[in-house]
Amino acid sequence: MTDLAAAADQLAALAEVHDDLRSVARDLLAPTSPLVSGGDPVAADWDLLARSGWLGLEVPEELGGAGASFAELAVVLEELGRVASPSPLLGGVVLAVGVLRATSPSDERDRLLAGIAEGRLRVAVALSAAEAPGAGPLPFVVEVDDGRASVRGRATFVPDVVGADNVLLVADDPSAGPVLVALAAGVDGLAVGPTPVVDASRSLGEVSVGGLTVDAGCCW
């Protein structure tokens, strides 16, 4: 009974935290609602999202984040959905942080996570919607030789890649298996373009790379 009582107390405390977070998020995001603006959905201010600490909810504390779980982030996402905000939070933060946290620690990984938490970086993940690890060929191939890496491939329907500061390519290394390749937006050889969508609250794009050579430190 003691363990059950303790668990119940923890759940009640967590529910209270979520209720408080939901209330704050609802108040801050209310001005972006079409019902308030009287027109199309308005994107939530990115600096506001950063100051609220929402961009770093899942980022470890030692990298400037809150070290929270997806349950807390889901509360914010629900409120963004409530006002139909066309925010790049899903592609530029949620997917990127999830992918980065699933990889082994490295200087590049930690740099990207810290930048996301501070609101300095938006990082998109280029993995075609119809493709996933273990379900078939990955959209990119990387070959590492003598400290350099050659990357090529194409991914479609990439969430929030247009306007992202960095792009994570999910690539297949024939000698090592699936790896991530981190590229800065605008680098020669990386092409990013928008994909027309019906839902104005969503942003999708296409990423293509043709024989781009980068330092092998960008791959892990």
N, C-alpha and C. Protein backbone atom coordinates (compact mmCIF):
# COMPACT_ATOMS: atom_id res chain seq x y z
N MET A 1 0.83 -1.21 0.00
CA MET A 1 0.00 0.00 0.00
C MET A 1 0.86 1.25 0.00
N THR A 2 2.00 1.16 0.70
CA THR A 2 2.88 2.32 0.75
C THR A 2 3.38 2.67 -0.64
N ASP A 3 3.80 1.64 -1.40
CA ASP A 3 4.28 1.88 -2.76
C ASP A 3 3.16 2.42 -3.65
N LEU A 4 1.97 1.89 -3.49
CA LEU A 4 0.85 2.38 -4.29
C LEU A 4 0.51 3.82 -3.94
N ALA A 5 0.57 4.14 -2.67
CA ALA A 5 0.28 5.51 -2.23
C ALA A 5 1.32 6.47 -2.77
N ALA A 6 2.60 6.04 -2.75
CA ALA A 6 3.67 6.89 -3.27
C ALA A 6 3.50 7.11 -4.77
N ALA A 7 3.14 6.05 -5.48
CA ALA A 7 2.92 6.17 -6.92
C ALA A 7 1.76 7.11 -7.22
N ALA A 8 0.71 7.01 -6.43
CA ALA A 8 -0.46 7.88 -6.62
C ALA A 8 -0.09 9.33 -6.37
N ASP A 9 0.75 9.56 -5.35
CA ASP A 9 1.19 10.93 -5.06
C ASP A 9 2.03 11.49 -6.21
N GLN A 10 2.89 10.64 -6.79
CA GLN A 10 3.72 11.07 -7.91
C GLN A 10 2.87 11.41 -9.13
N LEU A 11 1.88 10.58 -9.39
CA LEU A 11 0.99 10.83 -10.53
C LEU A 11 0.20 12.12 -10.33
N ALA A 12 -0.24 12.36 -9.10
CA ALA A 12 -1.00 13.58 -8.81
C ALA A 12 -0.12 14.81 -8.98
N ALA A 13 1.14 14.72 -8.54
CA ALA A 13 2.07 15.84 -8.69
C ALA A 13 2.37 16.09 -10.16
N LEU A 14 2.54 15.01 -10.94
CA LEU A 14 2.81 15.15 -12.36
C LEU A 14 1.61 15.77 -13.08
N ALA A 15 0.42 15.34 -12.71
CA ALA A 15 -0.80 15.90 -13.32
C ALA A 15 -0.90 17.40 -13.03
N GLU A 16 -0.49 17.80 -11.83
CA GLU A 16 -0.54 19.22 -11.48
C GLU A 16 0.45 20.02 -12.32
N VAL A 17 1.64 19.45 -12.52
CA VAL A 17 2.65 20.10 -13.38
C VAL A 17 2.12 20.27 -14.80
N HIS A 18 1.50 19.22 -15.32
CA HIS A 18 0.96 19.27 -16.68
C HIS A 18 -0.18 20.28 -16.77
N ASP A 19 -1.01 20.36 -15.76
CA ASP A 19 -2.10 21.33 -15.77
C ASP A 19 -1.56 22.76 -15.78
N ASP A 20 -0.52 23.00 -14.99
CA ASP A 20 0.09 24.34 -14.96
C ASP A 20 0.72 24.67 -16.31
N LEU A 21 1.42 23.70 -16.87
CA LEU A 21 2.07 23.90 -18.17
C LEU A 21 1.02 24.16 -19.25
N ARG A 22 -0.07 23.41 -19.22
CA ARG A 22 -1.14 23.58 -20.19
C ARG A 22 -1.77 24.98 -20.08
N SER A 23 -1.98 25.44 -18.87
CA SER A 23 -2.59 26.75 -18.65
C SER A 23 -1.69 27.86 -19.19
N VAL A 24 -0.39 27.77 -18.90
CA VAL A 24 0.56 28.78 -19.39
C VAL A 24 0.62 28.76 -20.91
N ALA A 25 0.72 27.56 -21.48
CA ALA A 25 0.81 27.43 -22.94
C ALA A 25 -0.44 27.97 -23.62
N ARG A 26 -1.59 27.70 -23.03
CA ARG A 26 -2.84 28.16 -23.64
C ARG A 26 -2.91 29.69 -23.65
N ASP A 27 -2.47 30.31 -22.56
CA ASP A 27 -2.49 31.77 -22.48
C ASP A 27 -1.51 32.40 -23.47
N LEU A 28 -0.28 31.84 -23.55
CA LEU A 28 0.73 32.42 -24.43
C LEU A 28 0.41 32.23 -25.90
N LEU A 29 -0.24 31.12 -26.24
CA LEU A 29 -0.51 30.82 -27.64
C LEU A 29 -1.86 31.35 -28.13
N ALA A 30 -2.69 31.82 -27.23
CA ALA A 30 -4.03 32.29 -27.61
C ALA A 30 -4.00 33.34 -28.73
N PRO A 31 -3.06 34.31 -28.70
CA PRO A 31 -3.06 35.32 -29.77
C PRO A 31 -2.81 34.78 -31.17
N THR A 32 -2.27 33.55 -31.28
CA THR A 32 -2.00 32.98 -32.61
C THR A 32 -3.22 32.30 -33.21
N SER A 33 -4.28 32.14 -32.44
CA SER A 33 -5.47 31.46 -32.93
C SER A 33 -6.20 32.30 -33.96
N PRO A 34 -6.69 31.68 -35.05
CA PRO A 34 -7.49 32.42 -36.04
C PRO A 34 -8.73 33.06 -35.41
N LEU A 35 -9.21 32.48 -34.33
CA LEU A 35 -10.40 33.04 -33.66
C LEU A 35 -10.07 34.39 -33.03
N VAL A 36 -8.78 34.57 -32.67
CA VAL A 36 -8.35 35.83 -32.07
C VAL A 36 -7.83 36.79 -33.14
N SER A 37 -7.00 36.26 -34.05
CA SER A 37 -6.41 37.11 -35.08
C SER A 37 -7.41 37.51 -36.15
N GLY A 38 -8.47 36.72 -36.29
CA GLY A 38 -9.49 37.03 -37.28
C GLY A 38 -9.09 36.67 -38.70
N GLY A 39 -8.03 35.90 -38.85
CA GLY A 39 -7.58 35.51 -40.20
C GLY A 39 -6.95 34.15 -40.19
N ASP A 40 -5.87 34.00 -40.97
CA ASP A 40 -5.17 32.73 -41.05
C ASP A 40 -4.41 32.46 -39.76
N PRO A 41 -4.04 31.20 -39.52
CA PRO A 41 -3.24 30.88 -38.34
C PRO A 41 -1.94 31.69 -38.32
N VAL A 42 -1.51 32.09 -37.15
CA VAL A 42 -0.30 32.89 -36.97
C VAL A 42 0.76 32.03 -36.29
N ALA A 43 1.96 32.04 -36.83
CA ALA A 43 3.04 31.24 -36.25
C ALA A 43 3.41 31.79 -34.88
N ALA A 44 3.60 30.89 -33.92
CA ALA A 44 4.04 31.30 -32.59
C ALA A 44 5.45 31.88 -32.68
N ASP A 45 5.70 32.92 -31.92
CA ASP A 45 7.01 33.58 -31.92
C ASP A 45 8.08 32.61 -31.41
N TRP A 46 9.13 32.39 -32.22
CA TRP A 46 10.16 31.42 -31.87
C TRP A 46 10.92 31.83 -30.61
N ASP A 47 11.20 33.13 -30.47
CA ASP A 47 11.89 33.60 -29.27
C ASP A 47 11.04 33.37 -28.03
N LEU A 48 9.74 33.51 -28.18
CA LEU A 48 8.84 33.26 -27.06
C LEU A 48 8.88 31.79 -26.65
N LEU A 49 8.89 30.90 -27.65
CA LEU A 49 8.98 29.47 -27.35
C LEU A 49 10.28 29.14 -26.63
N ALA A 50 11.38 29.81 -27.05
CA ALA A 50 12.67 29.57 -26.42
C ALA A 50 12.69 30.09 -24.99
N ARG A 51 12.17 31.31 -24.79
CA ARG A 51 12.16 31.89 -23.44
C ARG A 51 11.28 31.08 -22.50
N SER A 52 10.27 30.45 -23.04
CA SER A 52 9.38 29.63 -22.21
C SER A 52 10.02 28.31 -21.81
N GLY A 53 11.15 27.98 -22.44
CA GLY A 53 11.85 26.74 -22.13
C GLY A 53 11.30 25.53 -22.85
N TRP A 54 10.35 25.74 -23.75
CA TRP A 54 9.70 24.61 -24.41
C TRP A 54 10.59 23.93 -25.43
N LEU A 55 11.52 24.68 -26.04
CA LEU A 55 12.38 24.08 -27.07
C LEU A 55 13.35 23.08 -26.46
N GLY A 56 13.67 23.26 -25.18
CA GLY A 56 14.63 22.37 -24.54
C GLY A 56 14.02 21.43 -23.54
N LEU A 57 12.73 21.20 -23.62
CA LEU A 57 12.08 20.34 -22.63
C LEU A 57 12.73 18.96 -22.56
N GLU A 58 13.03 18.36 -23.71
CA GLU A 58 13.60 17.01 -23.72
C GLU A 58 15.13 17.00 -23.79
N VAL A 59 15.73 18.18 -23.86
CA VAL A 59 17.19 18.25 -23.92
C VAL A 59 17.77 18.06 -22.51
N PRO A 60 18.82 17.26 -22.36
CA PRO A 60 19.41 17.05 -21.03
C PRO A 60 19.81 18.36 -20.36
N GLU A 61 19.73 18.39 -19.04
CA GLU A 61 20.01 19.60 -18.28
C GLU A 61 21.44 20.08 -18.49
N GLU A 62 22.39 19.16 -18.63
CA GLU A 62 23.78 19.57 -18.80
C GLU A 62 24.04 20.29 -20.13
N LEU A 63 23.06 20.21 -21.03
CA LEU A 63 23.18 20.89 -22.33
C LEU A 63 22.24 22.09 -22.41
N GLY A 64 21.72 22.51 -21.27
CA GLY A 64 20.88 23.70 -21.25
C GLY A 64 19.40 23.45 -21.33
N GLY A 65 18.99 22.18 -21.32
CA GLY A 65 17.57 21.86 -21.40
C GLY A 65 16.95 21.62 -20.04
N ALA A 66 15.72 21.13 -20.06
CA ALA A 66 14.99 20.88 -18.82
C ALA A 66 15.09 19.44 -18.36
N GLY A 67 15.54 18.55 -19.25
CA GLY A 67 15.65 17.14 -18.89
C GLY A 67 14.30 16.50 -18.62
N ALA A 68 13.24 17.05 -19.22
CA ALA A 68 11.89 16.52 -19.02
C ALA A 68 11.63 15.38 -20.00
N SER A 69 10.39 14.90 -20.02
CA SER A 69 10.03 13.79 -20.90
C SER A 69 9.12 14.28 -22.02
N PHE A 70 8.81 13.36 -22.93
CA PHE A 70 7.91 13.72 -24.02
C PHE A 70 6.51 14.03 -23.52
N ALA A 71 6.15 13.53 -22.35
CA ALA A 71 4.82 13.80 -21.80
C ALA A 71 4.62 15.30 -21.61
N GLU A 72 5.64 16.01 -21.15
CA GLU A 72 5.54 17.46 -20.97
C GLU A 72 5.50 18.17 -22.33
N LEU A 73 6.33 17.70 -23.24
CA LEU A 73 6.34 18.30 -24.58
C LEU A 73 5.00 18.09 -25.28
N ALA A 74 4.37 16.94 -25.04
CA ALA A 74 3.09 16.65 -25.67
C ALA A 74 2.01 17.65 -25.25
N VAL A 75 2.12 18.15 -24.03
CA VAL A 75 1.16 19.15 -23.56
C VAL A 75 1.26 20.41 -24.42
N VAL A 76 2.49 20.85 -24.69
CA VAL A 76 2.70 22.03 -25.52
C VAL A 76 2.24 21.79 -26.95
N LEU A 77 2.54 20.61 -27.48
CA LEU A 77 2.13 20.29 -28.85
C LEU A 77 0.60 20.28 -28.97
N GLU A 78 -0.06 19.79 -27.95
CA GLU A 78 -1.52 19.78 -27.97
C GLU A 78 -2.08 21.20 -28.03
N GLU A 79 -1.47 22.11 -27.29
CA GLU A 79 -1.94 23.50 -27.30
C GLU A 79 -1.61 24.19 -28.62
N LEU A 80 -0.48 23.84 -29.22
CA LEU A 80 -0.16 24.36 -30.56
C LEU A 80 -1.20 23.88 -31.57
N GLY A 81 -1.60 22.62 -31.44
CA GLY A 81 -2.64 22.08 -32.32
C GLY A 81 -3.97 22.75 -32.08
N ARG A 82 -4.24 23.11 -30.85
CA ARG A 82 -5.51 23.75 -30.53
C ARG A 82 -5.69 25.07 -31.29
N VAL A 83 -4.59 25.81 -31.44
CA VAL A 83 -4.68 27.10 -32.14
C VAL A 83 -4.25 26.99 -33.60
N ALA A 84 -3.97 25.75 -34.05
CA ALA A 84 -3.56 25.50 -35.44
C ALA A 84 -2.35 26.34 -35.82
N SER A 85 -1.40 26.47 -34.89
CA SER A 85 -0.22 27.30 -35.15
C SER A 85 0.72 26.59 -36.13
N PRO A 86 1.13 27.28 -37.20
CA PRO A 86 2.07 26.69 -38.15
C PRO A 86 3.51 26.78 -37.65
N SER A 87 3.74 26.35 -36.44
CA SER A 87 5.07 26.43 -35.83
C SER A 87 5.95 25.28 -36.30
N PRO A 88 7.25 25.53 -36.52
CA PRO A 88 8.17 24.45 -36.90
C PRO A 88 8.65 23.64 -35.71
N LEU A 89 7.92 23.66 -34.61
CA LEU A 89 8.34 22.95 -33.40
C LEU A 89 8.45 21.45 -33.64
N LEU A 90 7.52 20.88 -34.41
CA LEU A 90 7.53 19.44 -34.63
C LEU A 90 8.78 18.99 -35.36
N GLY A 91 9.03 19.57 -36.53
CA GLY A 91 10.18 19.14 -37.32
C GLY A 91 11.49 19.71 -36.84
N GLY A 92 11.47 20.98 -36.36
CA GLY A 92 12.70 21.66 -36.00
C GLY A 92 13.20 21.37 -34.60
N VAL A 93 12.35 20.75 -33.77
CA VAL A 93 12.75 20.47 -32.40
C VAL A 93 12.41 19.03 -32.00
N VAL A 94 11.14 18.67 -32.05
CA VAL A 94 10.70 17.38 -31.52
C VAL A 94 11.40 16.22 -32.22
N LEU A 95 11.32 16.17 -33.54
CA LEU A 95 11.93 15.06 -34.27
C LEU A 95 13.44 15.09 -34.14
N ALA A 96 14.02 16.29 -34.23
CA ALA A 96 15.47 16.42 -34.17
C ALA A 96 16.02 15.99 -32.81
N VAL A 97 15.40 16.46 -31.74
CA VAL A 97 15.87 16.10 -30.40
C VAL A 97 15.72 14.60 -30.17
N GLY A 98 14.61 14.03 -30.63
CA GLY A 98 14.41 12.60 -30.48
C GLY A 98 15.48 11.79 -31.18
N VAL A 99 15.81 12.19 -32.40
CA VAL A 99 16.84 11.48 -33.16
C VAL A 99 18.21 11.67 -32.52
N LEU A 100 18.53 12.90 -32.14
CA LEU A 100 19.84 13.17 -31.56
C LEU A 100 20.04 12.44 -30.23
N ARG A 101 19.00 12.39 -29.42
CA ARG A 101 19.12 11.71 -28.13
C ARG A 101 19.26 10.20 -28.29
N ALA A 102 18.84 9.68 -29.45
CA ALA A 102 18.94 8.24 -29.69
C ALA A 102 20.32 7.84 -30.19
N THR A 103 21.19 8.83 -30.42
CA THR A 103 22.54 8.54 -30.92
C THR A 103 23.56 8.65 -29.80
N SER A 104 24.73 8.14 -30.06
CA SER A 104 25.81 8.20 -29.06
C SER A 104 26.29 9.64 -28.89
N PRO A 105 26.68 10.02 -27.68
CA PRO A 105 27.18 11.39 -27.45
C PRO A 105 28.38 11.70 -28.33
N SER A 106 28.41 12.93 -28.82
CA SER A 106 29.54 13.42 -29.61
C SER A 106 29.52 14.94 -29.51
N ASP A 107 30.62 15.56 -29.86
CA ASP A 107 30.68 17.02 -29.81
C ASP A 107 29.63 17.65 -30.71
N GLU A 108 29.45 17.09 -31.90
CA GLU A 108 28.47 17.64 -32.84
C GLU A 108 27.05 17.44 -32.33
N ARG A 109 26.76 16.26 -31.81
CA ARG A 109 25.43 16.00 -31.26
C ARG A 109 25.11 16.97 -30.13
N ASP A 110 26.05 17.14 -29.20
CA ASP A 110 25.83 18.01 -28.05
C ASP A 110 25.70 19.47 -28.47
N ARG A 111 26.47 19.87 -29.49
CA ARG A 111 26.37 21.24 -30.00
C ARG A 111 24.98 21.53 -30.55
N LEU A 112 24.45 20.57 -31.30
CA LEU A 112 23.12 20.75 -31.89
C LEU A 112 22.04 20.77 -30.81
N LEU A 113 22.13 19.88 -29.84
CA LEU A 113 21.13 19.85 -28.77
C LEU A 113 21.15 21.14 -27.97
N ALA A 114 22.33 21.64 -27.65
CA ALA A 114 22.43 22.89 -26.90
C ALA A 114 21.87 24.06 -27.70
N GLY A 115 22.15 24.08 -29.00
CA GLY A 115 21.63 25.14 -29.86
C GLY A 115 20.13 25.12 -29.97
N ILE A 116 19.55 23.92 -30.02
CA ILE A 116 18.09 23.78 -30.07
C ILE A 116 17.47 24.31 -28.77
N ALA A 117 18.04 23.92 -27.63
CA ALA A 117 17.50 24.34 -26.34
C ALA A 117 17.52 25.86 -26.18
N GLU A 118 18.55 26.50 -26.71
CA GLU A 118 18.68 27.96 -26.60
C GLU A 118 17.82 28.69 -27.62
N GLY A 119 17.30 27.98 -28.60
CA GLY A 119 16.53 28.63 -29.65
C GLY A 119 17.38 29.19 -30.76
N ARG A 120 18.70 28.87 -30.76
CA ARG A 120 19.59 29.38 -31.80
C ARG A 120 19.52 28.54 -33.08
N LEU A 121 19.13 27.27 -32.95
CA LEU A 121 19.15 26.37 -34.09
C LEU A 121 17.82 25.67 -34.28
N ARG A 122 17.39 25.59 -35.53
CA ARG A 122 16.31 24.70 -35.92
C ARG A 122 16.94 23.59 -36.75
N VAL A 123 16.69 22.37 -36.35
CA VAL A 123 17.36 21.22 -36.99
C VAL A 123 16.30 20.27 -37.55
N ALA A 124 16.27 20.13 -38.86
CA ALA A 124 15.30 19.24 -39.50
C ALA A 124 15.92 17.87 -39.71
N VAL A 125 15.07 16.84 -39.74
CA VAL A 125 15.52 15.46 -39.96
C VAL A 125 15.03 15.01 -41.32
N ALA A 126 15.96 14.70 -42.21
CA ALA A 126 15.61 14.30 -43.58
C ALA A 126 15.49 12.79 -43.67
N LEU A 127 14.26 12.32 -43.53
CA LEU A 127 13.95 10.89 -43.68
C LEU A 127 12.60 10.82 -44.37
N SER A 128 12.55 10.30 -45.58
CA SER A 128 11.31 10.27 -46.33
C SER A 128 10.22 9.56 -45.54
N ALA A 129 8.99 10.05 -45.70
CA ALA A 129 7.87 9.51 -44.92
C ALA A 129 7.67 8.01 -45.16
N ALA A 130 7.96 7.55 -46.36
CA ALA A 130 7.73 6.14 -46.68
C ALA A 130 8.91 5.26 -46.32
N GLU A 131 9.96 5.88 -45.75
CA GLU A 131 11.16 5.13 -45.46
C GLU A 131 11.48 5.21 -43.98
N ALA A 132 11.97 4.15 -43.42
CA ALA A 132 12.38 4.14 -42.03
C ALA A 132 13.44 3.08 -41.85
N PRO A 133 14.32 3.24 -40.86
CA PRO A 133 15.35 2.21 -40.65
C PRO A 133 14.73 0.84 -40.47
N GLY A 134 15.25 -0.13 -41.21
CA GLY A 134 14.74 -1.49 -41.12
C GLY A 134 13.59 -1.77 -42.06
N ALA A 135 13.06 -0.71 -42.72
CA ALA A 135 11.92 -0.91 -43.60
C ALA A 135 12.30 -0.80 -45.08
N GLY A 136 13.59 -0.72 -45.36
CA GLY A 136 14.01 -0.57 -46.74
C GLY A 136 15.19 0.37 -46.84
N PRO A 137 15.64 0.66 -48.05
CA PRO A 137 16.80 1.53 -48.24
C PRO A 137 16.56 2.91 -47.62
N LEU A 138 17.58 3.45 -46.98
CA LEU A 138 17.51 4.81 -46.45
C LEU A 138 17.66 5.80 -47.60
N PRO A 139 17.17 7.03 -47.42
CA PRO A 139 17.17 7.98 -48.54
C PRO A 139 18.55 8.49 -48.93
N PHE A 140 19.55 8.34 -48.04
CA PHE A 140 20.89 8.84 -48.36
C PHE A 140 21.93 7.74 -48.15
N VAL A 141 23.03 7.86 -48.89
CA VAL A 141 24.15 6.94 -48.76
C VAL A 141 25.40 7.77 -48.48
N VAL A 142 26.20 7.32 -47.51
CA VAL A 142 27.45 8.02 -47.19
C VAL A 142 28.60 7.03 -47.26
N GLU A 143 29.70 7.46 -47.84
CA GLU A 143 30.90 6.64 -47.93
C GLU A 143 32.06 7.43 -47.32
N VAL A 144 32.66 6.86 -46.27
CA VAL A 144 33.73 7.53 -45.55
C VAL A 144 35.07 6.97 -45.99
N ASP A 145 36.00 7.87 -46.30
CA ASP A 145 37.32 7.44 -46.74
C ASP A 145 38.35 8.50 -46.35
N ASP A 146 39.34 8.09 -45.56
CA ASP A 146 40.46 8.96 -45.20
C ASP A 146 40.00 10.29 -44.58
N GLY A 147 39.06 10.20 -43.64
CA GLY A 147 38.63 11.40 -42.91
C GLY A 147 37.62 12.26 -43.64
N ARG A 148 37.20 11.86 -44.82
CA ARG A 148 36.21 12.62 -45.57
C ARG A 148 35.01 11.72 -45.87
N ALA A 149 33.85 12.33 -46.03
CA ALA A 149 32.63 11.56 -46.29
C ALA A 149 31.92 12.12 -47.51
N SER A 150 31.53 11.24 -48.41
CA SER A 150 30.78 11.62 -49.60
C SER A 150 29.33 11.19 -49.41
N VAL A 151 28.41 12.14 -49.60
CA VAL A 151 26.99 11.88 -49.34
C VAL A 151 26.18 12.15 -50.60
N ARG A 152 25.19 11.29 -50.82
CA ARG A 152 24.28 11.51 -51.95
C ARG A 152 22.91 10.91 -51.59
N GLY A 153 21.86 11.45 -52.21
CA GLY A 153 20.52 10.90 -51.98
C GLY A 153 19.46 11.98 -51.99
N ARG A 154 18.23 11.57 -51.71
CA ARG A 154 17.08 12.49 -51.78
C ARG A 154 15.99 12.01 -50.82
N ALA A 155 15.40 12.95 -50.10
CA ALA A 155 14.30 12.65 -49.20
C ALA A 155 13.15 13.61 -49.49
N THR A 156 11.93 13.10 -49.44
CA THR A 156 10.75 13.91 -49.73
C THR A 156 9.86 14.01 -48.49
N PHE A 157 8.97 14.99 -48.50
CA PHE A 157 8.01 15.20 -47.41
C PHE A 157 8.72 15.32 -46.05
N VAL A 158 9.77 16.14 -46.03
CA VAL A 158 10.55 16.35 -44.80
C VAL A 158 9.92 17.49 -44.00
N PRO A 159 9.48 17.25 -42.76
CA PRO A 159 8.80 18.30 -41.98
C PRO A 159 9.73 19.46 -41.62
N ASP A 160 9.25 20.67 -41.87
CA ASP A 160 9.89 21.91 -41.40
C ASP A 160 11.35 22.05 -41.81
N VAL A 161 11.71 21.54 -42.97
CA VAL A 161 13.10 21.65 -43.41
C VAL A 161 13.37 23.01 -44.05
N VAL A 162 12.36 23.62 -44.65
CA VAL A 162 12.54 24.94 -45.24
C VAL A 162 12.69 25.96 -44.10
N GLY A 163 13.81 26.64 -44.07
CA GLY A 163 14.08 27.59 -43.01
C GLY A 163 14.89 27.02 -41.86
N ALA A 164 15.18 25.73 -41.89
CA ALA A 164 15.98 25.11 -40.84
C ALA A 164 17.44 25.57 -40.95
N ASP A 165 18.13 25.63 -39.83
CA ASP A 165 19.54 26.04 -39.81
C ASP A 165 20.47 24.87 -40.12
N ASN A 166 20.04 23.69 -39.73
CA ASN A 166 20.83 22.48 -39.99
C ASN A 166 19.90 21.36 -40.44
N VAL A 167 20.44 20.45 -41.20
CA VAL A 167 19.68 19.30 -41.67
C VAL A 167 20.41 18.02 -41.27
N LEU A 168 19.69 17.11 -40.64
CA LEU A 168 20.24 15.80 -40.31
C LEU A 168 19.81 14.80 -41.38
N LEU A 169 20.76 14.26 -42.09
CA LEU A 169 20.47 13.24 -43.11
C LEU A 169 20.59 11.86 -42.47
N VAL A 170 19.55 11.06 -42.60
CA VAL A 170 19.60 9.67 -42.14
C VAL A 170 20.15 8.86 -43.30
N ALA A 171 21.39 8.39 -43.16
CA ALA A 171 22.09 7.79 -44.29
C ALA A 171 22.55 6.38 -43.98
N ASP A 172 22.82 5.64 -45.04
CA ASP A 172 23.34 4.28 -44.91
C ASP A 172 24.82 4.30 -45.24
N ASP A 173 25.63 3.87 -44.29
CA ASP A 173 27.06 3.67 -44.51
C ASP A 173 27.26 2.18 -44.77
N PRO A 174 27.63 1.79 -45.99
CA PRO A 174 27.74 0.36 -46.31
C PRO A 174 28.65 -0.41 -45.37
N SER A 175 29.60 0.29 -44.74
CA SER A 175 30.55 -0.40 -43.86
C SER A 175 30.16 -0.34 -42.39
N ALA A 176 29.21 0.55 -42.04
CA ALA A 176 28.88 0.73 -40.62
C ALA A 176 27.39 0.71 -40.33
N GLY A 177 26.55 0.75 -41.34
CA GLY A 177 25.11 0.77 -41.12
C GLY A 177 24.57 2.19 -41.06
N PRO A 178 23.38 2.40 -40.50
CA PRO A 178 22.74 3.72 -40.46
C PRO A 178 23.57 4.71 -39.66
N VAL A 179 23.74 5.92 -40.20
CA VAL A 179 24.44 7.00 -39.51
C VAL A 179 23.69 8.30 -39.74
N LEU A 180 24.03 9.29 -38.94
CA LEU A 180 23.50 10.64 -39.14
C LEU A 180 24.59 11.50 -39.74
N VAL A 181 24.18 12.36 -40.69
CA VAL A 181 25.10 13.32 -41.28
C VAL A 181 24.52 14.71 -41.02
N ALA A 182 25.24 15.55 -40.32
CA ALA A 182 24.77 16.90 -39.99
C ALA A 182 25.34 17.90 -40.97
N LEU A 183 24.44 18.63 -41.64
CA LEU A 183 24.86 19.64 -42.62
C LEU A 183 24.26 20.98 -42.27
N ALA A 184 25.03 22.03 -42.46
CA ALA A 184 24.51 23.38 -42.28
C ALA A 184 23.69 23.75 -43.51
N ALA A 185 22.56 24.40 -43.30
CA ALA A 185 21.73 24.83 -44.42
C ALA A 185 22.53 25.79 -45.30
N GLY A 186 22.36 25.66 -46.59
CA GLY A 186 23.05 26.56 -47.51
C GLY A 186 24.40 26.08 -47.97
N VAL A 187 24.90 24.96 -47.44
CA VAL A 187 26.19 24.45 -47.88
C VAL A 187 26.08 24.01 -49.33
N ASP A 188 27.12 24.25 -50.09
CA ASP A 188 27.12 23.86 -51.50
C ASP A 188 26.90 22.36 -51.65
N GLY A 189 25.96 22.00 -52.51
CA GLY A 189 25.66 20.59 -52.74
C GLY A 189 24.42 20.11 -52.03
N LEU A 190 23.90 20.93 -51.10
CA LEU A 190 22.65 20.59 -50.40
C LEU A 190 21.53 21.45 -50.95
N ALA A 191 20.51 20.81 -51.50
CA ALA A 191 19.37 21.53 -52.08
C ALA A 191 18.12 21.26 -51.25
N VAL A 192 17.44 22.33 -50.85
CA VAL A 192 16.21 22.23 -50.06
C VAL A 192 15.13 23.05 -50.75
N GLY A 193 13.96 22.45 -50.92
CA GLY A 193 12.86 23.16 -51.56
C GLY A 193 11.53 22.80 -50.92
N PRO A 194 10.54 23.70 -51.03
CA PRO A 194 9.23 23.44 -50.42
C PRO A 194 8.40 22.45 -51.21
N THR A 195 7.50 21.77 -50.52
CA THR A 195 6.53 20.88 -51.14
C THR A 195 5.14 21.44 -50.87
N PRO A 196 4.34 21.69 -51.92
CA PRO A 196 3.00 22.25 -51.71
C PRO A 196 2.14 21.32 -50.85
N VAL A 197 1.43 21.91 -49.88
CA VAL A 197 0.55 21.14 -49.01
C VAL A 197 -0.78 21.86 -48.87
N VAL A 198 -1.82 21.11 -48.56
CA VAL A 198 -3.14 21.69 -48.37
C VAL A 198 -3.27 22.30 -46.97
N ASP A 199 -2.70 21.63 -45.99
CA ASP A 199 -2.78 22.07 -44.59
C ASP A 199 -1.83 23.24 -44.36
N ALA A 200 -2.37 24.43 -44.14
CA ALA A 200 -1.55 25.62 -43.97
C ALA A 200 -0.75 25.61 -42.67
N SER A 201 -1.09 24.71 -41.75
CA SER A 201 -0.36 24.64 -40.49
C SER A 201 0.86 23.73 -40.57
N ARG A 202 1.08 23.12 -41.74
CA ARG A 202 2.20 22.20 -41.91
C ARG A 202 3.14 22.71 -42.97
N SER A 203 4.43 22.42 -42.81
CA SER A 203 5.45 22.79 -43.79
C SER A 203 6.26 21.54 -44.12
N LEU A 204 6.25 21.17 -45.40
CA LEU A 204 7.01 20.01 -45.85
C LEU A 204 7.96 20.44 -46.95
N GLY A 205 9.03 19.70 -47.11
CA GLY A 205 9.99 20.05 -48.14
C GLY A 205 10.72 18.84 -48.67
N GLU A 206 11.59 19.08 -49.64
CA GLU A 206 12.39 18.03 -50.26
C GLU A 206 13.86 18.37 -50.07
N VAL A 207 14.65 17.35 -49.78
CA VAL A 207 16.09 17.52 -49.59
C VAL A 207 16.82 16.60 -50.56
N SER A 208 17.78 17.16 -51.28
CA SER A 208 18.58 16.33 -52.18
C SER A 208 20.05 16.72 -52.06
N VAL A 209 20.89 15.72 -52.17
CA VAL A 209 22.34 15.90 -52.07
C VAL A 209 22.98 15.08 -53.17
N GLY A 210 23.88 15.69 -53.93
CA GLY A 210 24.53 14.97 -55.01
C GLY A 210 26.03 14.95 -54.86
N GLY A 211 26.55 13.90 -54.25
CA GLY A 211 28.00 13.76 -54.14
C GLY A 211 28.68 14.81 -53.30
N LEU A 212 28.01 15.30 -52.26
CA LEU A 212 28.58 16.31 -51.38
C LEU A 212 29.65 15.68 -50.49
N THR A 213 30.80 16.33 -50.39
CA THR A 213 31.90 15.84 -49.55
C THR A 213 32.03 16.69 -48.31
N VAL A 214 32.04 16.05 -47.15
CA VAL A 214 32.14 16.77 -45.89
C VAL A 214 33.17 16.09 -45.00
N ASP A 215 33.54 16.76 -43.91
CA ASP A 215 34.44 16.16 -42.94
C ASP A 215 33.74 14.99 -42.26
N ALA A 216 34.46 13.91 -42.04
CA ALA A 216 33.87 12.72 -41.45
C ALA A 216 33.34 12.96 -40.04
N GLY A 217 33.77 14.05 -39.39
CA GLY A 217 33.27 14.39 -38.07
C GLY A 217 31.82 14.76 -38.05
N CYS A 218 31.25 15.05 -39.23
CA CYS A 218 29.84 15.37 -39.34
C CYS A 218 28.96 14.12 -39.34
N CYS A 219 29.58 12.96 -39.36
CA CYS A 219 28.83 11.71 -39.43
C CYS A 219 29.04 10.92 -38.13
N TRP A 220 27.97 10.38 -37.60
CA TRP A 220 28.11 9.54 -36.41
C TRP A 220 26.91 8.61 -36.27
